[in-house]
PDB file of N, CA and C in Angstrom:
ATOM      1  N   MET A   1     -20.573 -41.560 -10.060  1.00  0.00           N
ATOM      2  CA  MET A   1     -19.160 -41.275 -10.075  1.00  0.00           C
ATOM      3  C   MET A   1     -18.592 -41.765 -11.404  1.00  0.00           C
ATOM      4  N   ALA A   2     -17.978 -40.873 -12.135  1.00  0.00           N
ATOM      5  CA  ALA A   2     -17.383 -41.216 -13.427  1.00  0.00           C
ATOM      6  C   ALA A   2     -16.037 -41.910 -13.225  1.00  0.00           C
ATOM      7  N   ILE A   3     -15.760 -42.876 -14.052  1.00  0.00           N
ATOM      8  CA  ILE A   3     -14.488 -43.589 -14.008  1.00  0.00           C
ATOM      9  C   ILE A   3     -13.553 -42.934 -15.003  1.00  0.00           C
ATOM     10  N   THR A   4     -12.343 -42.627 -14.541  1.00  0.00           N
ATOM     11  CA  THR A   4     -11.336 -42.012 -15.383  1.00  0.00           C
ATOM     12  C   THR A   4     -10.131 -42.934 -15.449  1.00  0.00           C
ATOM     13  N   LYS A   5      -9.606 -43.127 -16.630  1.00  0.00           N
ATOM     14  CA  LYS A   5      -8.448 -43.983 -16.815  1.00  0.00           C
ATOM     15  C   LYS A   5      -7.199 -43.233 -16.375  1.00  0.00           C
ATOM     16  N   LEU A   6      -6.305 -43.936 -15.676  1.00  0.00           N
ATOM     17  CA  LEU A   6      -5.061 -43.367 -15.178  1.00  0.00           C
ATOM     18  C   LEU A   6      -3.932 -44.307 -15.547  1.00  0.00           C
ATOM     19  N   THR A   7      -2.880 -43.787 -16.111  1.00  0.00           N
ATOM     20  CA  THR A   7      -1.723 -44.593 -16.457  1.00  0.00           C
ATOM     21  C   THR A   7      -0.617 -44.297 -15.455  1.00  0.00           C
ATOM     22  N   LEU A   8      -0.083 -45.351 -14.848  1.00  0.00           N
ATOM     23  CA  LEU A   8       0.998 -45.221 -13.876  1.00  0.00           C
ATOM     24  C   LEU A   8       2.239 -45.918 -14.413  1.00  0.00           C
ATOM     25  N   SER A   9       3.387 -45.442 -13.992  1.00  0.00           N
ATOM     26  CA  SER A   9       4.642 -46.085 -14.360  1.00  0.00           C
ATOM     27  C   SER A   9       5.272 -46.687 -13.118  1.00  0.00           C
ATOM     28  N   ALA A  10       5.775 -47.918 -13.263  1.00  0.00           N
ATOM     29  CA  ALA A  10       6.438 -48.590 -12.147  1.00  0.00           C
ATOM     30  C   ALA A  10       7.405 -49.614 -12.723  1.00  0.00           C
ATOM     31  N   ASP A  11       8.387 -49.982 -11.909  1.00  0.00           N
ATOM     32  CA  ASP A  11       9.331 -51.000 -12.387  1.00  0.00           C
ATOM     33  C   ASP A  11       8.613 -52.351 -12.449  1.00  0.00           C
ATOM     34  N   GLU A  12       9.212 -53.281 -13.164  1.00  0.00           N
ATOM     35  CA  GLU A  12       8.585 -54.572 -13.427  1.00  0.00           C
ATOM     36  C   GLU A  12       8.256 -55.329 -12.139  1.00  0.00           C
ATOM     37  N   GLN A  13       9.149 -55.275 -11.158  1.00  0.00           N
ATOM     38  CA  GLN A  13       8.906 -55.983  -9.890  1.00  0.00           C
ATOM     39  C   GLN A  13       7.682 -55.434  -9.166  1.00  0.00           C
ATOM     40  N   THR A  14       7.518 -54.125  -9.180  1.00  0.00           N
ATOM     41  CA  THR A  14       6.374 -53.508  -8.518  1.00  0.00           C
ATOM     42  C   THR A  14       5.082 -53.887  -9.231  1.00  0.00           C
ATOM     43  N   VAL A  15       5.105 -53.893 -10.541  1.00  0.00           N
ATOM     44  CA  VAL A  15       3.923 -54.274 -11.315  1.00  0.00           C
ATOM     45  C   VAL A  15       3.554 -55.722 -11.015  1.00  0.00           C
ATOM     46  N   GLU A  16       4.540 -56.606 -10.993  1.00  0.00           N
ATOM     47  CA  GLU A  16       4.269 -58.013 -10.699  1.00  0.00           C
ATOM     48  C   GLU A  16       3.749 -58.191  -9.272  1.00  0.00           C
ATOM     49  N   LEU A  17       4.284 -57.425  -8.348  1.00  0.00           N
ATOM     50  CA  LEU A  17       3.821 -57.488  -6.963  1.00  0.00           C
ATOM     51  C   LEU A  17       2.354 -57.060  -6.877  1.00  0.00           C
ATOM     52  N   ALA A  18       2.023 -55.966  -7.543  1.00  0.00           N
ATOM     53  CA  ALA A  18       0.641 -55.483  -7.543  1.00  0.00           C
ATOM     54  C   ALA A  18      -0.294 -56.526  -8.145  1.00  0.00           C
ATOM     55  N   LYS A  19       0.111 -57.136  -9.232  1.00  0.00           N
ATOM     56  CA  LYS A  19      -0.714 -58.159  -9.874  1.00  0.00           C
ATOM     57  C   LYS A  19      -0.900 -59.367  -8.960  1.00  0.00           C
ATOM     58  N   ARG A  20       0.169 -59.770  -8.274  1.00  0.00           N
ATOM     59  CA  ARG A  20       0.092 -60.931  -7.395  1.00  0.00           C
ATOM     60  C   ARG A  20      -0.834 -60.660  -6.206  1.00  0.00           C
ATOM     61  N   ILE A  21      -0.678 -59.487  -5.588  1.00  0.00           N
ATOM     62  CA  ILE A  21      -1.519 -59.144  -4.436  1.00  0.00           C
ATOM     63  C   ILE A  21      -2.984 -59.061  -4.861  1.00  0.00           C
ATOM     64  N   ALA A  22      -3.237 -58.408  -5.982  1.00  0.00           N
ATOM     65  CA  ALA A  22      -4.609 -58.282  -6.477  1.00  0.00           C
ATOM     66  C   ALA A  22      -5.195 -59.663  -6.779  1.00  0.00           C
ATOM     67  N   SER A  23      -4.399 -60.516  -7.378  1.00  0.00           N
ATOM     68  CA  SER A  23      -4.858 -61.868  -7.709  1.00  0.00           C
ATOM     69  C   SER A  23      -5.176 -62.660  -6.441  1.00  0.00           C
ATOM     70  N   GLU A  24      -4.321 -62.544  -5.430  1.00  0.00           N
ATOM     71  CA  GLU A  24      -4.542 -63.256  -4.169  1.00  0.00           C
ATOM     72  C   GLU A  24      -5.826 -62.782  -3.487  1.00  0.00           C
ATOM     73  N   ASP A  25      -6.159 -61.509  -3.659  1.00  0.00           N
ATOM     74  CA  ASP A  25      -7.365 -60.947  -3.048  1.00  0.00           C
ATOM     75  C   ASP A  25      -8.570 -60.990  -3.992  1.00  0.00           C
ATOM     76  N   ASN A  26      -8.393 -61.588  -5.158  1.00  0.00           N
ATOM     77  CA  ASN A  26      -9.457 -61.686  -6.174  1.00  0.00           C
ATOM     78  C   ASN A  26     -10.051 -60.324  -6.525  1.00  0.00           C
ATOM     79  N   ILE A  27      -9.178 -59.332  -6.697  1.00  0.00           N
ATOM     80  CA  ILE A  27      -9.610 -58.000  -7.117  1.00  0.00           C
ATOM     81  C   ILE A  27      -8.721 -57.539  -8.253  1.00  0.00           C
ATOM     82  N   SER A  28      -9.124 -56.482  -8.912  1.00  0.00           N
ATOM     83  CA  SER A  28      -8.309 -55.929  -9.995  1.00  0.00           C
ATOM     84  C   SER A  28      -7.201 -55.061  -9.393  1.00  0.00           C
ATOM     85  N   VAL A  29      -6.186 -54.809 -10.201  1.00  0.00           N
ATOM     86  CA  VAL A  29      -5.114 -53.913  -9.766  1.00  0.00           C
ATOM     87  C   VAL A  29      -5.685 -52.517  -9.535  1.00  0.00           C
ATOM     88  N   SER A  30      -6.653 -52.120 -10.327  1.00  0.00           N
ATOM     89  CA  SER A  30      -7.284 -50.814 -10.142  1.00  0.00           C
ATOM     90  C   SER A  30      -7.964 -50.724  -8.780  1.00  0.00           C
ATOM     91  N   LYS A  31      -8.684 -51.777  -8.408  1.00  0.00           N
ATOM     92  CA  LYS A  31      -9.357 -51.772  -7.106  1.00  0.00           C
ATOM     93  C   LYS A  31      -8.332 -51.806  -5.977  1.00  0.00           C
ATOM     94  N   LEU A  32      -7.265 -52.561  -6.152  1.00  0.00           N
ATOM     95  CA  LEU A  32      -6.189 -52.601  -5.158  1.00  0.00           C
ATOM     96  C   LEU A  32      -5.609 -51.209  -4.956  1.00  0.00           C
ATOM     97  N   PHE A  33      -5.348 -50.512  -6.059  1.00  0.00           N
ATOM     98  CA  PHE A  33      -4.804 -49.149  -5.982  1.00  0.00           C
ATOM     99  C   PHE A  33      -5.769 -48.233  -5.236  1.00  0.00           C
ATOM    100  N   LYS A  34      -7.055 -48.335  -5.569  1.00  0.00           N
ATOM    101  CA  LYS A  34      -8.064 -47.503  -4.920  1.00  0.00           C
ATOM    102  C   LYS A  34      -8.106 -47.770  -3.419  1.00  0.00           C
ATOM    103  N   GLU A  35      -8.114 -49.051  -3.022  1.00  0.00           N
ATOM    104  CA  GLU A  35      -8.155 -49.407  -1.604  1.00  0.00           C
ATOM    105  C   GLU A  35      -6.918 -48.915  -0.866  1.00  0.00           C
ATOM    106  N   LEU A  36      -5.758 -49.088  -1.476  1.00  0.00           N
ATOM    107  CA  LEU A  36      -4.517 -48.629  -0.840  1.00  0.00           C
ATOM    108  C   LEU A  36      -4.516 -47.113  -0.673  1.00  0.00           C
ATOM    109  N   LEU A  37      -4.975 -46.409  -1.685  1.00  0.00           N
ATOM    110  CA  LEU A  37      -5.023 -44.952  -1.621  1.00  0.00           C
ATOM    111  C   LEU A  37      -6.009 -44.486  -0.547  1.00  0.00           C
ATOM    112  N   ASN A  38      -7.175 -45.133  -0.472  1.00  0.00           N
ATOM    113  CA  ASN A  38      -8.156 -44.785   0.560  1.00  0.00           C
ATOM    114  C   ASN A  38      -7.613 -45.060   1.953  1.00  0.00           C
ATOM    115  N   ASP A  39      -6.949 -46.209   2.144  1.00  0.00           N
ATOM    116  CA  ASP A  39      -6.354 -46.529   3.445  1.00  0.00           C
ATOM    117  C   ASP A  39      -5.283 -45.512   3.815  1.00  0.00           C
ATOM    118  N   PHE A  40      -4.455 -45.159   2.856  1.00  0.00           N
ATOM    119  CA  PHE A  40      -3.393 -44.171   3.093  1.00  0.00           C
ATOM    120  C   PHE A  40      -3.987 -42.826   3.482  1.00  0.00           C
ATOM    121  N   SER A  41      -5.045 -42.439   2.787  1.00  0.00           N
ATOM    122  CA  SER A  41      -5.703 -41.163   3.071  1.00  0.00           C
ATOM    123  C   SER A  41      -6.290 -41.144   4.480  1.00  0.00           C
ATOM    124  N   LYS A  42      -6.922 -42.243   4.896  1.00  0.00           N
ATOM    125  CA  LYS A  42      -7.501 -42.323   6.240  1.00  0.00           C
ATOM    126  C   LYS A  42      -6.424 -42.188   7.313  1.00  0.00           C
ATOM    127  N   LYS A  43      -5.272 -42.782   7.085  1.00  0.00           N
ATOM    128  CA  LYS A  43      -4.194 -42.718   8.069  1.00  0.00           C
ATOM    129  C   LYS A  43      -3.625 -41.311   8.194  1.00  0.00           C
ATOM    130  N   ARG A  44      -3.718 -40.533   7.145  1.00  0.00           N
ATOM    131  CA  ARG A  44      -3.171 -39.178   7.166  1.00  0.00           C
ATOM    132  C   ARG A  44      -4.088 -38.175   7.842  1.00  0.00           C
ATOM    133  N   LYS A  45      -5.374 -38.494   7.915  1.00  0.00           N
ATOM    134  CA  LYS A  45      -6.324 -37.564   8.513  1.00  0.00           C
ATOM    135  C   LYS A  45      -6.056 -37.444  10.006  1.00  0.00           C
ATOM    136  N   LYS A  46      -6.178 -36.230  10.507  1.00  0.00           N
ATOM    137  CA  LYS A  46      -6.038 -36.019  11.941  1.00  0.00           C
ATOM    138  C   LYS A  46      -7.324 -36.470  12.608  1.00  0.00           C
ATOM    139  N   GLU A  47      -7.172 -37.184  13.700  1.00  0.00           N
ATOM    140  CA  GLU A  47      -8.323 -37.722  14.403  1.00  0.00           C
ATOM    141  C   GLU A  47      -8.803 -36.758  15.484  1.00  0.00           C
ATOM    142  N   ASP A  48     -10.086 -36.670  15.644  1.00  0.00           N
ATOM    143  CA  ASP A  48     -10.718 -35.881  16.688  1.00  0.00           C
ATOM    144  C   ASP A  48     -10.779 -36.756  17.943  1.00  0.00           C
ATOM    145  N   PRO A  49     -10.196 -36.309  19.065  1.00  0.00           N
ATOM    146  CA  PRO A  49     -10.168 -37.145  20.280  1.00  0.00           C
ATOM    147  C   PRO A  49     -11.557 -37.591  20.743  1.00  0.00           C
ATOM    148  N   LEU A  50     -12.545 -36.720  20.624  1.00  0.00           N
ATOM    149  CA  LEU A  50     -13.893 -37.083  21.040  1.00  0.00           C
ATOM    150  C   LEU A  50     -14.442 -38.205  20.171  1.00  0.00           C
ATOM    151  N   LEU A  51     -14.236 -38.096  18.867  1.00  0.00           N
ATOM    152  CA  LEU A  51     -14.715 -39.141  17.966  1.00  0.00           C
ATOM    153  C   LEU A  51     -13.951 -40.438  18.184  1.00  0.00           C
ATOM    154  N   GLU A  52     -12.671 -40.333  18.485  1.00  0.00           N
ATOM    155  CA  GLU A  52     -11.881 -41.526  18.775  1.00  0.00           C
ATOM    156  C   GLU A  52     -12.448 -42.240  19.997  1.00  0.00           C
ATOM    157  N   ARG A  53     -12.877 -41.454  21.004  1.00  0.00           N
ATOM    158  CA  ARG A  53     -13.460 -42.047  22.205  1.00  0.00           C
ATOM    159  C   ARG A  53     -14.714 -42.843  21.847  1.00  0.00           C
ATOM    160  N   TYR A  54     -15.566 -42.271  21.005  1.00  0.00           N
ATOM    161  CA  TYR A  54     -16.781 -42.977  20.593  1.00  0.00           C
ATOM    162  C   TYR A  54     -16.451 -44.187  19.734  1.00  0.00           C
ATOM    163  N   LYS A  55     -15.470 -44.037  18.889  1.00  0.00           N
ATOM    164  CA  LYS A  55     -15.102 -45.129  17.992  1.00  0.00           C
ATOM    165  C   LYS A  55     -14.644 -46.349  18.780  1.00  0.00           C
ATOM    166  N   ASN A  56     -13.992 -46.128  19.899  1.00  0.00           N
ATOM    167  CA  ASN A  56     -13.435 -47.232  20.673  1.00  0.00           C
ATOM    168  C   ASN A  56     -14.308 -47.665  21.846  1.00  0.00           C
ATOM    169  N   MET A  57     -15.504 -47.097  21.952  1.00  0.00           N
ATOM    170  CA  MET A  57     -16.404 -47.488  23.032  1.00  0.00           C
ATOM    171  C   MET A  57     -16.881 -48.918  22.834  1.00  0.00           C
ATOM    172  N   GLU A  58     -17.067 -49.588  23.945  1.00  0.00           N
ATOM    173  CA  GLU A  58     -17.610 -50.942  23.889  1.00  0.00           C
ATOM    174  C   GLU A  58     -19.102 -50.887  23.582  1.00  0.00           C
ATOM    175  N   ILE A  59     -19.568 -51.843  22.843  1.00  0.00           N
ATOM    176  CA  ILE A  59     -20.985 -51.943  22.518  1.00  0.00           C
ATOM    177  C   ILE A  59     -21.667 -52.681  23.670  1.00  0.00           C
ATOM    178  N   SER A  60     -22.778 -52.142  24.159  1.00  0.00           N
ATOM    179  CA  SER A  60     -23.455 -52.737  25.311  1.00  0.00           C
ATOM    180  C   SER A  60     -23.973 -54.133  24.972  1.00  0.00           C
ATOM    181  N   GLU A  61     -24.138 -54.934  26.022  1.00  0.00           N
ATOM    182  CA  GLU A  61     -24.630 -56.300  25.844  1.00  0.00           C
ATOM    183  C   GLU A  61     -26.046 -56.315  25.249  1.00  0.00           C
ATOM    184  N   ASP A  62     -26.866 -55.310  25.593  1.00  0.00           N
ATOM    185  CA  ASP A  62     -28.217 -55.232  25.034  1.00  0.00           C
ATOM    186  C   ASP A  62     -28.171 -55.097  23.516  1.00  0.00           C
ATOM    187  N   ILE A  63     -27.263 -54.283  23.044  1.00  0.00           N
ATOM    188  CA  ILE A  63     -27.118 -54.096  21.594  1.00  0.00           C
ATOM    189  C   ILE A  63     -26.509 -55.349  20.971  1.00  0.00           C
ATOM    190  N   LYS A  64     -25.516 -55.923  21.614  1.00  0.00           N
ATOM    191  CA  LYS A  64     -24.900 -57.148  21.087  1.00  0.00           C
ATOM    192  C   LYS A  64     -25.920 -58.277  20.990  1.00  0.00           C
ATOM    193  N   ALA A  65     -26.904 -58.281  21.904  1.00  0.00           N
ATOM    194  CA  ALA A  65     -27.926 -59.325  21.889  1.00  0.00           C
ATOM    195  C   ALA A  65     -28.771 -59.265  20.623  1.00  0.00           C
ATOM    196  N   LEU A  66     -28.794 -58.124  19.972  1.00  0.00           N
ATOM    197  CA  LEU A  66     -29.568 -57.976  18.738  1.00  0.00           C
ATOM    198  C   LEU A  66     -28.855 -58.572  17.534  1.00  0.00           C
ATOM    199  N   LYS A  67     -27.578 -58.874  17.697  1.00  0.00           N
ATOM    200  CA  LYS A  67     -26.792 -59.433  16.594  1.00  0.00           C
ATOM    201  C   LYS A  67     -27.439 -60.733  16.103  1.00  0.00           C
ATOM    202  N   GLY A  68     -27.623 -60.826  14.832  1.00  0.00           N
ATOM    203  CA  GLY A  68     -28.192 -62.022  14.242  1.00  0.00           C
ATOM    204  C   GLY A  68     -29.646 -61.884  13.846  1.00  0.00           C
ATOM    205  N   ILE A  69     -30.328 -60.848  14.325  1.00  0.00           N
ATOM    206  CA  ILE A  69     -31.751 -60.724  13.983  1.00  0.00           C
ATOM    207  C   ILE A  69     -31.949 -60.386  12.511  1.00  0.00           C
ATOM    208  N   LEU A  70     -30.906 -59.914  11.860  1.00  0.00           N
ATOM    209  CA  LEU A  70     -30.983 -59.607  10.431  1.00  0.00           C
ATOM    210  C   LEU A  70     -30.250 -60.658   9.607  1.00  0.00           C
ATOM    211  N   LYS A  71     -30.176 -61.873  10.114  1.00  0.00           N
ATOM    212  CA  LYS A  71     -29.431 -62.941   9.455  1.00  0.00           C
ATOM    213  C   LYS A  71     -29.784 -62.998   7.980  1.00  0.00           C
ATOM    214  N   GLY A  72     -28.754 -62.955   7.165  1.00  0.00           N
ATOM    215  CA  GLY A  72     -28.941 -63.015   5.719  1.00  0.00           C
ATOM    216  C   GLY A  72     -29.140 -61.652   5.083  1.00  0.00           C
ATOM    217  N   LYS A  73     -29.453 -60.631   5.870  1.00  0.00           N
ATOM    218  CA  LYS A  73     -29.669 -59.294   5.323  1.00  0.00           C
ATOM    219  C   LYS A  73     -28.405 -58.438   5.422  1.00  0.00           C
ATOM    220  N   VAL A  74     -27.477 -58.842   6.275  1.00  0.00           N
ATOM    221  CA  VAL A  74     -26.217 -58.126   6.457  1.00  0.00           C
ATOM    222  C   VAL A  74     -25.089 -59.133   6.264  1.00  0.00           C
ATOM    223  N   PRO A  75     -24.071 -58.811   5.467  1.00  0.00           N
ATOM    224  CA  PRO A  75     -22.966 -59.752   5.264  1.00  0.00           C
ATOM    225  C   PRO A  75     -22.292 -60.147   6.584  1.00  0.00           C
ATOM    226  N   ASP A  76     -21.789 -61.379   6.641  1.00  0.00           N
ATOM    227  CA  ASP A  76     -21.155 -61.881   7.859  1.00  0.00           C
ATOM    228  C   ASP A  76     -19.885 -61.128   8.232  1.00  0.00           C
ATOM    229  N   ASP A  77     -19.238 -60.503   7.261  1.00  0.00           N
ATOM    230  CA  ASP A  77     -17.963 -59.839   7.540  1.00  0.00           C
ATOM    231  C   ASP A  77     -18.114 -58.356   7.904  1.00  0.00           C
ATOM    232  N   VAL A  78     -19.308 -57.951   8.337  1.00  0.00           N
ATOM    233  CA  VAL A  78     -19.552 -56.558   8.714  1.00  0.00           C
ATOM    234  C   VAL A  78     -18.791 -56.235   9.994  1.00  0.00           C
ATOM    235  N   ASP A  79     -18.098 -55.105  10.003  1.00  0.00           N
ATOM    236  CA  ASP A  79     -17.391 -54.621  11.182  1.00  0.00           C
ATOM    237  C   ASP A  79     -18.324 -53.651  11.908  1.00  0.00           C
ATOM    238  N   TYR A  80     -18.911 -54.123  13.017  1.00  0.00           N
ATOM    239  CA  TYR A  80     -19.902 -53.320  13.722  1.00  0.00           C
ATOM    240  C   TYR A  80     -19.317 -52.053  14.317  1.00  0.00           C
ATOM    241  N   LYS A  81     -18.051 -52.101  14.736  1.00  0.00           N
ATOM    242  CA  LYS A  81     -17.425 -50.884  15.256  1.00  0.00           C
ATOM    243  C   LYS A  81     -17.298 -49.840  14.146  1.00  0.00           C
ATOM    244  N   GLU A  82     -16.962 -50.290  12.946  1.00  0.00           N
ATOM    245  CA  GLU A  82     -16.851 -49.365  11.817  1.00  0.00           C
ATOM    246  C   GLU A  82     -18.219 -48.795  11.457  1.00  0.00           C
ATOM    247  N   LEU A  83     -19.266 -49.629  11.503  1.00  0.00           N
ATOM    248  CA  LEU A  83     -20.621 -49.141  11.237  1.00  0.00           C
ATOM    249  C   LEU A  83     -21.024 -48.091  12.272  1.00  0.00           C
ATOM    250  N   LYS A  84     -20.709 -48.359  13.531  1.00  0.00           N
ATOM    251  CA  LYS A  84     -21.035 -47.416  14.595  1.00  0.00           C
ATOM    252  C   LYS A  84     -20.297 -46.109  14.384  1.00  0.00           C
ATOM    253  N   TRP A  85     -19.036 -46.186  14.014  1.00  0.00           N
ATOM    254  CA  TRP A  85     -18.203 -45.012  13.743  1.00  0.00           C
ATOM    255  C   TRP A  85     -18.804 -44.194  12.605  1.00  0.00           C
ATOM    256  N   GLU A  86     -19.175 -44.851  11.510  1.00  0.00           N
ATOM    257  CA  GLU A  86     -19.763 -44.155  10.362  1.00  0.00           C
ATOM    258  C   GLU A  86     -21.078 -43.485  10.753  1.00  0.00           C
ATOM    259  N   TYR A  87     -21.891 -44.174  11.557  1.00  0.00           N
ATOM    260  CA  TYR A  87     -23.157 -43.605  12.009  1.00  0.00           C
ATOM    261  C   TYR A  87     -22.918 -42.339  12.826  1.00  0.00           C
ATOM    262  N   LEU A  88     -21.971 -42.400  13.748  1.00  0.00           N
ATOM    263  CA  LEU A  88     -21.689 -41.225  14.591  1.00  0.00           C
ATOM    264  C   LEU A  88     -21.158 -40.052  13.772  1.00  0.00           C
ATOM    265  N   LYS A  89     -20.302 -40.337  12.789  1.00  0.00           N
ATOM    266  CA  LYS A  89     -19.781 -39.283  11.919  1.00  0.00           C
ATOM    267  C   LYS A  89     -20.931 -38.623  11.159  1.00  0.00           C
ATOM    268  N   GLU A  90     -21.809 -39.437  10.612  1.00  0.00           N
ATOM    269  CA  GLU A  90     -22.929 -38.917   9.832  1.00  0.00           C
ATOM    270  C   GLU A  90     -23.896 -38.136  10.725  1.00  0.00           C
ATOM    271  N   ARG A  91     -24.189 -38.686  11.885  1.00  0.00           N
ATOM    272  CA  ARG A  91     -25.137 -38.042  12.800  1.00  0.00           C
ATOM    273  C   ARG A  91     -24.648 -36.694  13.275  1.00  0.00           C
ATOM    274  N   HIS A  92     -23.341 -36.560  13.485  1.00  0.00           N
ATOM    275  CA  HIS A  92     -22.785 -35.323  14.018  1.00  0.00           C
ATOM    276  C   HIS A  92     -22.188 -34.430  12.933  1.00  0.00           C
ATOM    277  N   GLY A  93     -22.441 -34.785  11.678  1.00  0.00           N
ATOM    278  CA  GLY A  93     -22.029 -33.948  10.562  1.00  0.00           C
ATOM    279  C   GLY A  93     -20.531 -33.792  10.395  1.00  0.00           C
ATOM    280  N   LEU A  94     -19.811 -34.874  10.586  1.00  0.00           N
ATOM    281  CA  LEU A  94     -18.345 -34.809  10.469  1.00  0.00           C
ATOM    282  C   LEU A  94     -17.856 -35.453   9.203  1.00  0.00           C
TER     283      LEU A  94
END
């Protein structure tokens, strides 16, 4: 993926706010902009009721019992529901 430079205009308060938020999250303003845009885009997408049902399904105790077997190979902050959602989207070609 090629990186393209983008120049944005904003009032001084907005620029300072963006810098402060990015600094608090230890990320660049560019990364903050990218994350905000991606989050905004996800919220605008229409959800498929069937996929929503799968996304919100409870994970069985048998599967939960496997948690930790990859200790150190998967970051501690992994959202397993999000991983399951991504897997289902990929598996069903969505």
